[in-house]
Amino acid sequence: MVEMTACRNCHRKCHDAFLCHQCANDLRELLHGLAVGMPLDNGRRSRAWLVALEDAALGDTRLGESARRSTDKTTPIPFGENASALLASMRNMLETWVKHLCEARGMELP
């Protein structure tokens, strides 16, 4: 007999799992969006969220109002401190989950 448990996200009943089928699919789509982007209405994909976050952390993207930019080669590269902290946190969280999942399944870390 299969034991029914409550989904940890929406509290729907699920078959002995952490997440119900719908929440697992939603999570899969969000994780896919982090890596390769989200599907757009025109059939294409957005930029990967982690790539966009990395660009913001490195100052390779314009955030907010347009600012005058110097062409002087001695001008330091802009650095997004908040984006950098968020990127480090995301990488740490993803690495931790991969480690937990590999250990639980008896798999080698990639």
C-alpha atoms as a PDB file:
ATOM      1  CA  MET A   1       0.000   0.000   0.000  1.00  0.00           C
ATOM      2  CA  VAL A   2       1.360   3.410  -1.005  1.00  0.00           C
ATOM      3  CA  GLU A   3       1.462   5.934   1.799  1.00  0.00           C
ATOM      4  CA  MET A   4      -0.034   9.355   1.082  1.00  0.00           C
ATOM      5  CA  THR A   5       1.770  12.421   2.405  1.00  0.00           C
ATOM      6  CA  ALA A   6       1.182  16.145   2.090  1.00  0.00           C
ATOM      7  CA  CYS A   7       3.149  18.166  -0.448  1.00  0.00           C
ATOM      8  CA  ARG A   8       5.572  20.440   1.410  1.00  0.00           C
ATOM      9  CA  ASN A   9       4.674  23.325  -0.877  1.00  0.00           C
ATOM     10  CA  CYS A  10       0.909  23.281  -1.527  1.00  0.00           C
ATOM     11  CA  HIS A  11      -0.215  20.605   0.977  1.00  0.00           C
ATOM     12  CA  ARG A  12      -1.994  18.524  -1.675  1.00  0.00           C
ATOM     13  CA  LYS A  13      -1.826  14.784  -1.178  1.00  0.00           C
ATOM     14  CA  CYS A  14       1.048  13.022  -2.914  1.00  0.00           C
ATOM     15  CA  HIS A  15       2.383   9.495  -3.059  1.00  0.00           C
ATOM     16  CA  ASP A  16       5.172   9.262  -0.486  1.00  0.00           C
ATOM     17  CA  ALA A  17       7.040  12.223  -1.971  1.00  0.00           C
ATOM     18  CA  PHE A  18       8.335  15.590  -0.850  1.00  0.00           C
ATOM     19  CA  LEU A  19       6.408  17.452  -3.560  1.00  0.00           C
ATOM     20  CA  CYS A  20       3.246  16.659  -5.491  1.00  0.00           C
ATOM     21  CA  HIS A  21       3.489  16.126  -9.247  1.00  0.00           C
ATOM     22  CA  GLN A  22       2.447  19.710 -10.106  1.00  0.00           C
ATOM     23  CA  CYS A  23       4.863  21.338  -7.646  1.00  0.00           C
ATOM     24  CA  ALA A  24       7.690  19.067  -8.840  1.00  0.00           C
ATOM     25  CA  ASN A  25       6.990  20.161 -12.436  1.00  0.00           C
ATOM     26  CA  ASP A  26       6.911  23.829 -11.396  1.00  0.00           C
ATOM     27  CA  LEU A  27      10.244  23.409  -9.575  1.00  0.00           C
ATOM     28  CA  ARG A  28      11.756  21.645 -12.591  1.00  0.00           C
ATOM     29  CA  GLU A  29      10.699  24.534 -14.845  1.00  0.00           C
ATOM     30  CA  LEU A  30      12.156  27.138 -12.451  1.00  0.00           C
ATOM     31  CA  LEU A  31      15.481  25.278 -12.169  1.00  0.00           C
ATOM     32  CA  HIS A  32      15.578  24.924 -15.941  1.00  0.00           C
ATOM     33  CA  GLY A  33      14.999  28.687 -16.161  1.00  0.00           C
ATOM     34  CA  LEU A  34      18.026  29.292 -13.947  1.00  0.00           C
ATOM     35  CA  ALA A  35      20.222  27.311 -16.312  1.00  0.00           C
ATOM     36  CA  VAL A  36      18.830  27.880 -19.820  1.00  0.00           C
ATOM     37  CA  GLY A  37      16.074  30.501 -19.541  1.00  0.00           C
ATOM     38  CA  MET A  38      12.312  30.430 -19.437  1.00  0.00           C
ATOM     39  CA  PRO A  39      10.098  29.726 -22.466  1.00  0.00           C
ATOM     40  CA  LEU A  40       8.667  32.889 -24.010  1.00  0.00           C
ATOM     41  CA  ASP A  41       5.369  33.318 -25.856  1.00  0.00           C
ATOM     42  CA  ASN A  42       7.215  33.638 -29.189  1.00  0.00           C
ATOM     43  CA  GLY A  43       8.699  30.130 -28.847  1.00  0.00           C
ATOM     44  CA  ARG A  44      12.156  31.359 -27.866  1.00  0.00           C
ATOM     45  CA  ARG A  45      13.759  31.360 -24.418  1.00  0.00           C
ATOM     46  CA  SER A  46      14.725  34.228 -22.151  1.00  0.00           C
ATOM     47  CA  ARG A  47      18.310  34.568 -21.008  1.00  0.00           C
ATOM     48  CA  ALA A  48      19.287  32.130 -18.299  1.00  0.00           C
ATOM     49  CA  TRP A  49      18.672  33.759 -14.938  1.00  0.00           C
ATOM     50  CA  LEU A  50      22.095  32.795 -13.581  1.00  0.00           C
ATOM     51  CA  VAL A  51      23.816  34.272 -16.648  1.00  0.00           C
ATOM     52  CA  ALA A  52      21.880  37.522 -16.240  1.00  0.00           C
ATOM     53  CA  LEU A  53      22.733  37.584 -12.523  1.00  0.00           C
ATOM     54  CA  GLU A  54      26.408  36.970 -13.279  1.00  0.00           C
ATOM     55  CA  ASP A  55      26.362  39.850 -15.783  1.00  0.00           C
ATOM     56  CA  ALA A  56      24.838  42.114 -13.134  1.00  0.00           C
ATOM     57  CA  ALA A  57      27.454  41.006 -10.583  1.00  0.00           C
ATOM     58  CA  LEU A  58      30.292  41.765 -13.029  1.00  0.00           C
ATOM     59  CA  GLY A  59      28.783  45.072 -14.104  1.00  0.00           C
ATOM     60  CA  ASP A  60      28.201  43.862 -17.679  1.00  0.00           C
ATOM     61  CA  THR A  61      24.622  45.045 -17.721  1.00  0.00           C
ATOM     62  CA  ARG A  62      22.912  48.371 -17.212  1.00  0.00           C
ATOM     63  CA  LEU A  63      20.576  48.423 -14.232  1.00  0.00           C
ATOM     64  CA  GLY A  64      18.286  51.365 -13.615  1.00  0.00           C
ATOM     65  CA  GLU A  65      18.725  54.774 -15.228  1.00  0.00           C
ATOM     66  CA  SER A  66      21.242  55.415 -17.924  1.00  0.00           C
ATOM     67  CA  ALA A  67      24.434  56.935 -16.599  1.00  0.00           C
ATOM     68  CA  ARG A  68      27.284  58.698 -18.347  1.00  0.00           C
ATOM     69  CA  ARG A  69      30.030  56.212 -18.962  1.00  0.00           C
ATOM     70  CA  SER A  70      33.694  57.017 -19.103  1.00  0.00           C
ATOM     71  CA  THR A  71      35.887  55.735 -21.920  1.00  0.00           C
ATOM     72  CA  ASP A  72      38.970  56.220 -19.774  1.00  0.00           C
ATOM     73  CA  LYS A  73      40.847  52.902 -19.509  1.00  0.00           C
ATOM     74  CA  THR A  74      41.729  53.648 -15.891  1.00  0.00           C
ATOM     75  CA  THR A  75      38.071  53.704 -14.839  1.00  0.00           C
ATOM     76  CA  PRO A  76      37.368  50.633 -12.698  1.00  0.00           C
ATOM     77  CA  ILE A  77      34.894  48.064 -13.972  1.00  0.00           C
ATOM     78  CA  PRO A  78      31.526  48.503 -12.226  1.00  0.00           C
ATOM     79  CA  PHE A  79      30.755  45.816  -9.679  1.00  0.00           C
ATOM     80  CA  GLY A  80      27.281  44.784  -8.535  1.00  0.00           C
ATOM     81  CA  GLU A  81      27.761  43.955  -4.851  1.00  0.00           C
ATOM     82  CA  ASN A  82      24.158  42.858  -4.226  1.00  0.00           C
ATOM     83  CA  ALA A  83      24.052  40.774  -7.418  1.00  0.00           C
ATOM     84  CA  SER A  84      27.395  39.223  -6.516  1.00  0.00           C
ATOM     85  CA  ALA A  85      26.160  38.239  -3.047  1.00  0.00           C
ATOM     86  CA  LEU A  86      22.961  36.774  -4.517  1.00  0.00           C
ATOM     87  CA  LEU A  87      24.938  34.857  -7.160  1.00  0.00           C
ATOM     88  CA  ALA A  88      27.235  33.383  -4.490  1.00  0.00           C
ATOM     89  CA  SER A  89      24.209  32.400  -2.403  1.00  0.00           C
ATOM     90  CA  MET A  90      22.510  30.750  -5.412  1.00  0.00           C
ATOM     91  CA  ARG A  91      25.631  28.794  -6.331  1.00  0.00           C
ATOM     92  CA  ASN A  92      26.067  27.617  -2.751  1.00  0.00           C
ATOM     93  CA  MET A  93      22.434  26.532  -2.493  1.00  0.00           C
ATOM     94  CA  LEU A  94      22.515  24.673  -5.818  1.00  0.00           C
ATOM     95  CA  GLU A  95      25.813  22.949  -4.960  1.00  0.00           C
ATOM     96  CA  THR A  96      24.423  21.896  -1.574  1.00  0.00           C
ATOM     97  CA  TRP A  97      21.276  20.399  -3.152  1.00  0.00           C
ATOM     98  CA  VAL A  98      23.277  18.550  -5.808  1.00  0.00           C
ATOM     99  CA  LYS A  99      25.504  17.135  -3.052  1.00  0.00           C
ATOM    100  CA  HIS A 100      22.483  16.016  -0.974  1.00  0.00           C
ATOM    101  CA  LEU A 101      20.757  14.428  -3.966  1.00  0.00           C
ATOM    102  CA  CYS A 102      23.897  12.601  -5.098  1.00  0.00           C
ATOM    103  CA  GLU A 103      24.564  11.289  -1.578  1.00  0.00           C
ATOM    104  CA  ALA A 104      20.945  10.167  -1.144  1.00  0.00           C
ATOM    105  CA  ARG A 105      21.098   8.269  -4.450  1.00  0.00           C
ATOM    106  CA  GLY A 106      24.596   6.874  -3.923  1.00  0.00           C
ATOM    107  CA  MET A 107      25.965   8.786  -6.895  1.00  0.00           C
ATOM    108  CA  GLU A 108      29.350  10.439  -7.466  1.00  0.00           C
ATOM    109  CA  LEU A 109      29.399  14.225  -7.420  1.00  0.00           C
ATOM    110  CA  PRO A 110      29.693  15.715 -10.917  1.00  0.00           C
END
